[in-house]
Amino acid sequence: MSELVWPTTEQVAELEGLSRVEVYRRMEPRDSHALVWKNREDGRPGRLINPHSMSIDAQRRWRHELLEAAAVPKAEPAQPGLLPRTRRGRPN
């Protein structure tokens, strides 16, 4: 799986309906429902959970949240136009 968006431990606790302590307990490899995790790479403390290691219902809820977030338009464009727009380049 490519490194898309991995949920935080808090998000997994909410998606799975577990306490934070239970999420950390499930990160141990000897647990029968082990969650696959990695340390954050952005320099902030915490762990990220591989969404494929969550339950099927939690994966569905996670995908639904991602799709809802993607459907909301951004307030400003991510990158403004590099070239000035002329009358000819403007949409009608």
Protein backbone atom coordinates (compact mmCIF):
# COMPACT_ATOMS: atom_id res chain seq x y z
CA MET A 1 0.00 0.00 0.00
CA SER A 2 1.29 3.44 -0.82
CA GLU A 3 1.65 5.89 2.01
CA LEU A 4 -1.72 7.55 1.68
CA VAL A 5 -3.35 8.83 4.82
CA TRP A 6 -2.91 6.77 7.96
CA PRO A 7 -5.22 7.61 10.87
CA THR A 8 -3.88 8.66 14.26
CA THR A 9 -4.39 6.57 17.37
CA GLU A 10 -7.18 8.93 18.48
CA GLN A 11 -8.99 8.51 15.16
CA VAL A 12 -8.65 4.72 15.33
CA ALA A 13 -10.04 4.72 18.87
CA GLU A 14 -13.10 6.60 17.61
CA LEU A 15 -13.51 4.50 14.45
CA GLU A 16 -13.16 1.20 16.32
CA GLY A 17 -15.10 2.33 19.40
CA LEU A 18 -12.14 1.55 21.68
CA SER A 19 -10.35 3.41 24.44
CA ARG A 20 -6.94 4.90 23.71
CA VAL A 21 -5.36 2.36 26.07
CA GLU A 22 -6.97 -0.51 24.14
CA VAL A 23 -5.66 0.88 20.83
CA TYR A 24 -2.11 0.95 22.23
CA ARG A 25 -2.56 -2.58 23.62
CA ARG A 26 -3.58 -3.79 20.15
CA MET A 27 -0.41 -2.33 18.68
CA GLU A 28 1.54 -5.13 20.38
CA PRO A 29 2.34 -7.87 17.86
CA ARG A 30 1.17 -10.68 20.13
CA ASP A 31 -2.43 -9.40 20.15
CA SER A 32 -4.84 -11.44 18.02
CA HIS A 33 -6.24 -8.22 16.46
CA ALA A 34 -2.90 -6.44 16.13
CA LEU A 35 -2.87 -2.98 14.58
CA VAL A 36 0.06 -2.23 12.27
CA TRP A 37 1.61 1.13 13.09
CA LYS A 38 4.53 3.42 12.35
CA ASN A 39 5.97 6.53 13.95
CA ARG A 40 4.97 9.86 12.46
CA GLU A 41 7.41 11.12 9.84
CA ASP A 42 6.49 14.80 10.13
CA GLY A 43 8.48 15.31 13.33
CA ARG A 44 5.46 15.38 15.61
CA PRO A 45 5.13 12.80 18.38
CA GLY A 46 2.68 9.96 17.97
CA ARG A 47 1.92 6.92 15.92
CA LEU A 48 -0.09 6.32 12.77
CA ILE A 49 -2.11 3.16 12.13
CA ASN A 50 -2.29 1.30 8.83
CA PRO A 51 -6.00 1.48 7.93
CA HIS A 52 -5.87 -2.04 6.47
CA SER A 53 -5.20 -3.46 9.93
CA MET A 54 -8.46 -2.04 11.32
CA SER A 55 -11.73 -3.97 11.33
CA ILE A 56 -13.79 -3.98 8.12
CA ASP A 57 -16.45 -1.70 9.66
CA ALA A 58 -13.81 0.78 10.83
CA GLN A 59 -12.22 0.74 7.36
CA ARG A 60 -15.61 1.61 5.82
CA ARG A 61 -16.09 4.48 8.26
CA TRP A 62 -12.55 5.71 7.55
CA ARG A 63 -13.10 5.66 3.77
CA HIS A 64 -16.41 7.47 4.22
CA GLU A 65 -14.67 10.20 6.25
CA LEU A 66 -11.94 10.56 3.62
CA LEU A 67 -14.49 10.86 0.82
CA GLU A 68 -16.50 13.45 2.73
CA ALA A 69 -13.35 15.49 3.39
CA ALA A 70 -12.36 15.30 -0.28
CA ALA A 71 -15.80 16.46 -1.43
CA VAL A 72 -15.57 19.74 0.51
CA PRO A 73 -14.12 22.42 -1.80
CA LYS A 74 -11.14 24.35 -0.53
CA ALA A 75 -11.63 28.04 0.21
CA GLU A 76 -8.61 29.09 -1.83
CA PRO A 77 -6.88 27.37 -4.74
CA ALA A 78 -3.86 25.34 -3.74
CA GLN A 79 -1.68 27.18 -6.24
CA PRO A 80 -2.65 30.48 -7.84
CA GLY A 81 -2.31 30.77 -11.57
CA LEU A 82 1.22 31.40 -12.72
CA LEU A 83 0.21 33.37 -15.78
CA PRO A 84 -2.20 36.30 -15.83
CA ARG A 85 -5.61 35.48 -17.21
CA THR A 86 -6.78 37.40 -20.23
CA ARG A 87 -10.34 37.82 -21.46
CA ARG A 88 -9.69 34.99 -23.86
CA GLY A 89 -8.52 32.64 -21.07
CA ARG A 90 -11.50 33.25 -18.78
CA PRO A 91 -14.38 30.78 -18.78
CA ASN A 92 -17.71 32.14 -20.03
